[in-house]
Amino acid sequence: MTVVSSERLSKDMQASARQLVEQVGLMPQMQDQPLSASDLFFYLTNTSMPMAAFLRDHGLFTDSDGLHFDLGQFPAIRDVADKVIAEHEAGNLDGVWKQFDLSTDEDADYDGGYILIALAALELMYGQQQPRA
């Protein structure tokens, strides 16, 4: 598991800002401010309580130490987020929608699309890291 402090995350996001916005679709919450950790946290904190528990169980959460994540768990998280979107588009709200207590159109964004954006951002910044000497 990787832990990145909020300060380090903000610096890494600013260093990759153009790619995060243009390639990943991560948008700053305040247009007159540079990207910061709080922008990424926004994409991860608007989930339902059951989804937040699922993310935590799969190593993706924030606390006073910063952002915790496990790149190896991203496929399982991505699979669920994709199902949230696919089931919403199909009008099937019985599968993961019932499992994660989802009920509104916004849930497709918050518990699907936003999670996918956060995963893509983290993969862009930390997915190809070389071991440090």
C-alpha atoms as a PDB file:
ATOM      1  CA  MET A   1       0.000   0.000   0.000  1.00  0.00           C
ATOM      2  CA  THR A   2       1.171   3.507  -0.802  1.00  0.00           C
ATOM      3  CA  VAL A   3       0.539   6.545   1.377  1.00  0.00           C
ATOM      4  CA  VAL A   4       1.019  10.004  -0.097  1.00  0.00           C
ATOM      5  CA  SER A   5       0.755  13.064   2.118  1.00  0.00           C
ATOM      6  CA  SER A   6      -1.637  15.795   1.039  1.00  0.00           C
ATOM      7  CA  GLU A   7       1.305  18.124   0.436  1.00  0.00           C
ATOM      8  CA  ARG A   8       3.144  15.588  -1.754  1.00  0.00           C
ATOM      9  CA  LEU A   9      -0.057  14.773  -3.622  1.00  0.00           C
ATOM     10  CA  SER A  10      -0.662  18.465  -4.334  1.00  0.00           C
ATOM     11  CA  LYS A  11       2.890  18.880  -5.669  1.00  0.00           C
ATOM     12  CA  ASP A  12       2.568  15.774  -7.836  1.00  0.00           C
ATOM     13  CA  MET A  13      -0.775  16.959  -9.163  1.00  0.00           C
ATOM     14  CA  GLN A  14       0.611  20.377 -10.025  1.00  0.00           C
ATOM     15  CA  ALA A  15       3.544  18.747 -11.829  1.00  0.00           C
ATOM     16  CA  SER A  16       1.088  16.678 -13.892  1.00  0.00           C
ATOM     17  CA  ALA A  17      -1.703  19.263 -14.083  1.00  0.00           C
ATOM     18  CA  ARG A  18      -1.971  19.478 -17.863  1.00  0.00           C
ATOM     19  CA  GLN A  19      -2.213  15.686 -18.280  1.00  0.00           C
ATOM     20  CA  LEU A  20      -4.629  15.349 -15.363  1.00  0.00           C
ATOM     21  CA  VAL A  21      -6.995  17.891 -16.879  1.00  0.00           C
ATOM     22  CA  GLU A  22      -6.636  17.053 -20.578  1.00  0.00           C
ATOM     23  CA  GLN A  23      -6.146  13.276 -20.504  1.00  0.00           C
ATOM     24  CA  VAL A  24      -7.871  12.199 -17.301  1.00  0.00           C
ATOM     25  CA  GLY A  25     -10.612  14.812 -17.014  1.00  0.00           C
ATOM     26  CA  LEU A  26      -9.819  15.821 -13.444  1.00  0.00           C
ATOM     27  CA  MET A  27     -11.015  19.372 -12.928  1.00  0.00           C
ATOM     28  CA  PRO A  28      -9.973  21.767 -10.189  1.00  0.00           C
ATOM     29  CA  GLN A  29     -12.792  22.699  -7.848  1.00  0.00           C
ATOM     30  CA  MET A  30     -11.663  26.338  -7.948  1.00  0.00           C
ATOM     31  CA  GLN A  31     -10.725  27.561 -11.410  1.00  0.00           C
ATOM     32  CA  ASP A  32      -8.441  30.312 -10.072  1.00  0.00           C
ATOM     33  CA  GLN A  33      -6.333  27.877  -8.003  1.00  0.00           C
ATOM     34  CA  PRO A  34      -3.833  25.226  -9.098  1.00  0.00           C
ATOM     35  CA  LEU A  35      -4.794  21.572  -8.744  1.00  0.00           C
ATOM     36  CA  SER A  36      -4.381  20.288  -5.219  1.00  0.00           C
ATOM     37  CA  ALA A  37      -5.015  17.178  -3.159  1.00  0.00           C
ATOM     38  CA  SER A  38      -8.443  18.525  -2.204  1.00  0.00           C
ATOM     39  CA  ASP A  39      -9.481  18.344  -5.866  1.00  0.00           C
ATOM     40  CA  LEU A  40      -8.721  14.626  -5.989  1.00  0.00           C
ATOM     41  CA  PHE A  41     -10.278  14.071  -2.565  1.00  0.00           C
ATOM     42  CA  PHE A  42     -13.495  15.614  -3.936  1.00  0.00           C
ATOM     43  CA  TYR A  43     -13.700  12.807  -6.491  1.00  0.00           C
ATOM     44  CA  LEU A  44     -13.348  10.186  -3.761  1.00  0.00           C
ATOM     45  CA  THR A  45     -15.487  11.576  -0.948  1.00  0.00           C
ATOM     46  CA  ASN A  46     -18.894  11.998  -2.560  1.00  0.00           C
ATOM     47  CA  THR A  47     -19.610   8.282  -2.615  1.00  0.00           C
ATOM     48  CA  SER A  48     -22.310   6.445  -0.714  1.00  0.00           C
ATOM     49  CA  MET A  49     -21.378   5.060   2.712  1.00  0.00           C
ATOM     50  CA  PRO A  50     -21.305   1.454   1.417  1.00  0.00           C
ATOM     51  CA  MET A  51     -19.096   2.511  -1.513  1.00  0.00           C
ATOM     52  CA  ALA A  52     -16.760   4.381   0.838  1.00  0.00           C
ATOM     53  CA  ALA A  53     -16.467   1.197   2.924  1.00  0.00           C
ATOM     54  CA  PHE A  54     -15.755  -0.818  -0.226  1.00  0.00           C
ATOM     55  CA  LEU A  55     -13.025   1.623  -1.258  1.00  0.00           C
ATOM     56  CA  ARG A  56     -11.484   1.502   2.226  1.00  0.00           C
ATOM     57  CA  ASP A  57     -11.592  -2.307   2.178  1.00  0.00           C
ATOM     58  CA  HIS A  58      -9.670  -2.115  -1.094  1.00  0.00           C
ATOM     59  CA  GLY A  59      -7.069   0.266   0.305  1.00  0.00           C
ATOM     60  CA  LEU A  60      -8.334   3.559  -1.154  1.00  0.00           C
ATOM     61  CA  PHE A  61      -9.047   6.152   1.528  1.00  0.00           C
ATOM     62  CA  THR A  62      -7.837   9.363   3.123  1.00  0.00           C
ATOM     63  CA  ASP A  63      -6.893  10.088   6.694  1.00  0.00           C
ATOM     64  CA  SER A  64      -4.596  12.447   8.576  1.00  0.00           C
ATOM     65  CA  ASP A  65      -1.558  10.807   6.936  1.00  0.00           C
ATOM     66  CA  GLY A  66      -2.855  11.567   3.438  1.00  0.00           C
ATOM     67  CA  LEU A  67      -4.134   9.367   0.629  1.00  0.00           C
ATOM     68  CA  HIS A  68      -3.780   5.609   0.938  1.00  0.00           C
ATOM     69  CA  PHE A  69      -4.023   3.445  -2.159  1.00  0.00           C
ATOM     70  CA  ASP A  70      -3.014   0.074  -3.524  1.00  0.00           C
ATOM     71  CA  LEU A  71      -2.583   0.042  -7.297  1.00  0.00           C
ATOM     72  CA  GLY A  72      -3.108  -3.726  -7.245  1.00  0.00           C
ATOM     73  CA  GLN A  73      -6.679  -3.196  -6.015  1.00  0.00           C
ATOM     74  CA  PHE A  74      -7.587  -0.772  -8.808  1.00  0.00           C
ATOM     75  CA  PRO A  75      -8.930  -3.469 -11.168  1.00  0.00           C
ATOM     76  CA  ALA A  76     -11.503  -4.579  -8.559  1.00  0.00           C
ATOM     77  CA  ILE A  77     -12.477  -0.970  -7.827  1.00  0.00           C
ATOM     78  CA  ARG A  78     -12.659  -0.136 -11.539  1.00  0.00           C
ATOM     79  CA  ASP A  79     -14.878  -3.172 -12.164  1.00  0.00           C
ATOM     80  CA  VAL A  80     -17.427  -1.988  -9.586  1.00  0.00           C
ATOM     81  CA  ALA A  81     -17.350   1.630 -10.826  1.00  0.00           C
ATOM     82  CA  ASP A  82     -17.867   0.404 -14.404  1.00  0.00           C
ATOM     83  CA  LYS A  83     -20.833  -1.700 -13.239  1.00  0.00           C
ATOM     84  CA  VAL A  84     -22.373   1.350 -11.524  1.00  0.00           C
ATOM     85  CA  ILE A  85     -22.284   3.222 -14.819  1.00  0.00           C
ATOM     86  CA  ALA A  86     -23.370   0.279 -16.999  1.00  0.00           C
ATOM     87  CA  GLU A  87     -26.281  -0.664 -14.754  1.00  0.00           C
ATOM     88  CA  HIS A  88     -27.453   2.948 -14.630  1.00  0.00           C
ATOM     89  CA  GLU A  89     -27.329   3.208 -18.417  1.00  0.00           C
ATOM     90  CA  ALA A  90     -29.264  -0.076 -18.715  1.00  0.00           C
ATOM     91  CA  GLY A  91     -31.845   1.001 -16.141  1.00  0.00           C
ATOM     92  CA  ASN A  92     -30.942  -1.974 -13.957  1.00  0.00           C
ATOM     93  CA  LEU A  93     -30.813  -0.662 -10.421  1.00  0.00           C
ATOM     94  CA  ASP A  94     -30.866  -4.014  -8.635  1.00  0.00           C
ATOM     95  CA  GLY A  95     -27.226  -5.227  -8.795  1.00  0.00           C
ATOM     96  CA  VAL A  96     -24.447  -2.986  -7.530  1.00  0.00           C
ATOM     97  CA  TRP A  97     -26.955  -0.158  -7.200  1.00  0.00           C
ATOM     98  CA  LYS A  98     -28.790  -2.029  -4.486  1.00  0.00           C
ATOM     99  CA  GLN A  99     -25.538  -3.359  -2.984  1.00  0.00           C
ATOM    100  CA  PHE A 100     -24.104   0.164  -2.609  1.00  0.00           C
ATOM    101  CA  ASP A 101     -27.387   1.897  -1.714  1.00  0.00           C
ATOM    102  CA  LEU A 102     -27.468   4.082  -4.830  1.00  0.00           C
ATOM    103  CA  SER A 103     -30.626   5.786  -6.019  1.00  0.00           C
ATOM    104  CA  THR A 104     -30.050   9.011  -7.966  1.00  0.00           C
ATOM    105  CA  ASP A 105     -28.582   9.967 -11.328  1.00  0.00           C
ATOM    106  CA  GLU A 106     -25.768  11.718  -9.453  1.00  0.00           C
ATOM    107  CA  ASP A 107     -24.763   8.359  -7.989  1.00  0.00           C
ATOM    108  CA  ALA A 108     -23.673   7.245 -11.472  1.00  0.00           C
ATOM    109  CA  ASP A 109     -21.185  10.125 -11.428  1.00  0.00           C
ATOM    110  CA  TYR A 110     -20.141   9.996  -7.779  1.00  0.00           C
ATOM    111  CA  ASP A 111     -19.914   6.217  -7.412  1.00  0.00           C
ATOM    112  CA  GLY A 112     -18.885   5.475 -10.979  1.00  0.00           C
ATOM    113  CA  GLY A 113     -17.375   8.210 -13.118  1.00  0.00           C
ATOM    114  CA  TYR A 114     -15.650  10.147 -10.359  1.00  0.00           C
ATOM    115  CA  ILE A 115     -14.003   7.022  -8.988  1.00  0.00           C
ATOM    116  CA  LEU A 116     -12.742   6.149 -12.464  1.00  0.00           C
ATOM    117  CA  ILE A 117     -11.274   9.641 -12.827  1.00  0.00           C
ATOM    118  CA  ALA A 118      -9.522   9.369  -9.452  1.00  0.00           C
ATOM    119  CA  LEU A 119      -8.065   5.961 -10.365  1.00  0.00           C
ATOM    120  CA  ALA A 120      -6.829   7.262 -13.709  1.00  0.00           C
ATOM    121  CA  ALA A 121      -5.230  10.268 -12.014  1.00  0.00           C
ATOM    122  CA  LEU A 122      -3.417   8.095  -9.484  1.00  0.00           C
ATOM    123  CA  GLU A 123      -2.260   5.697 -12.184  1.00  0.00           C
ATOM    124  CA  LEU A 124      -0.965   8.587 -14.266  1.00  0.00           C
ATOM    125  CA  MET A 125       1.038   9.980 -11.355  1.00  0.00           C
ATOM    126  CA  TYR A 126       2.144   6.805  -9.580  1.00  0.00           C
ATOM    127  CA  GLY A 127       1.533   3.858 -11.875  1.00  0.00           C
ATOM    128  CA  GLN A 128       4.901   3.859 -13.592  1.00  0.00           C
ATOM    129  CA  GLN A 129       7.105   4.738 -10.654  1.00  0.00           C
ATOM    130  CA  GLN A 130      10.504   3.160 -10.599  1.00  0.00           C
ATOM    131  CA  PRO A 131      11.850   1.815  -7.306  1.00  0.00           C
ATOM    132  CA  ARG A 132      13.791   4.468  -5.449  1.00  0.00           C
ATOM    133  CA  ALA A 133      17.460   3.759  -4.747  1.00  0.00           C
END
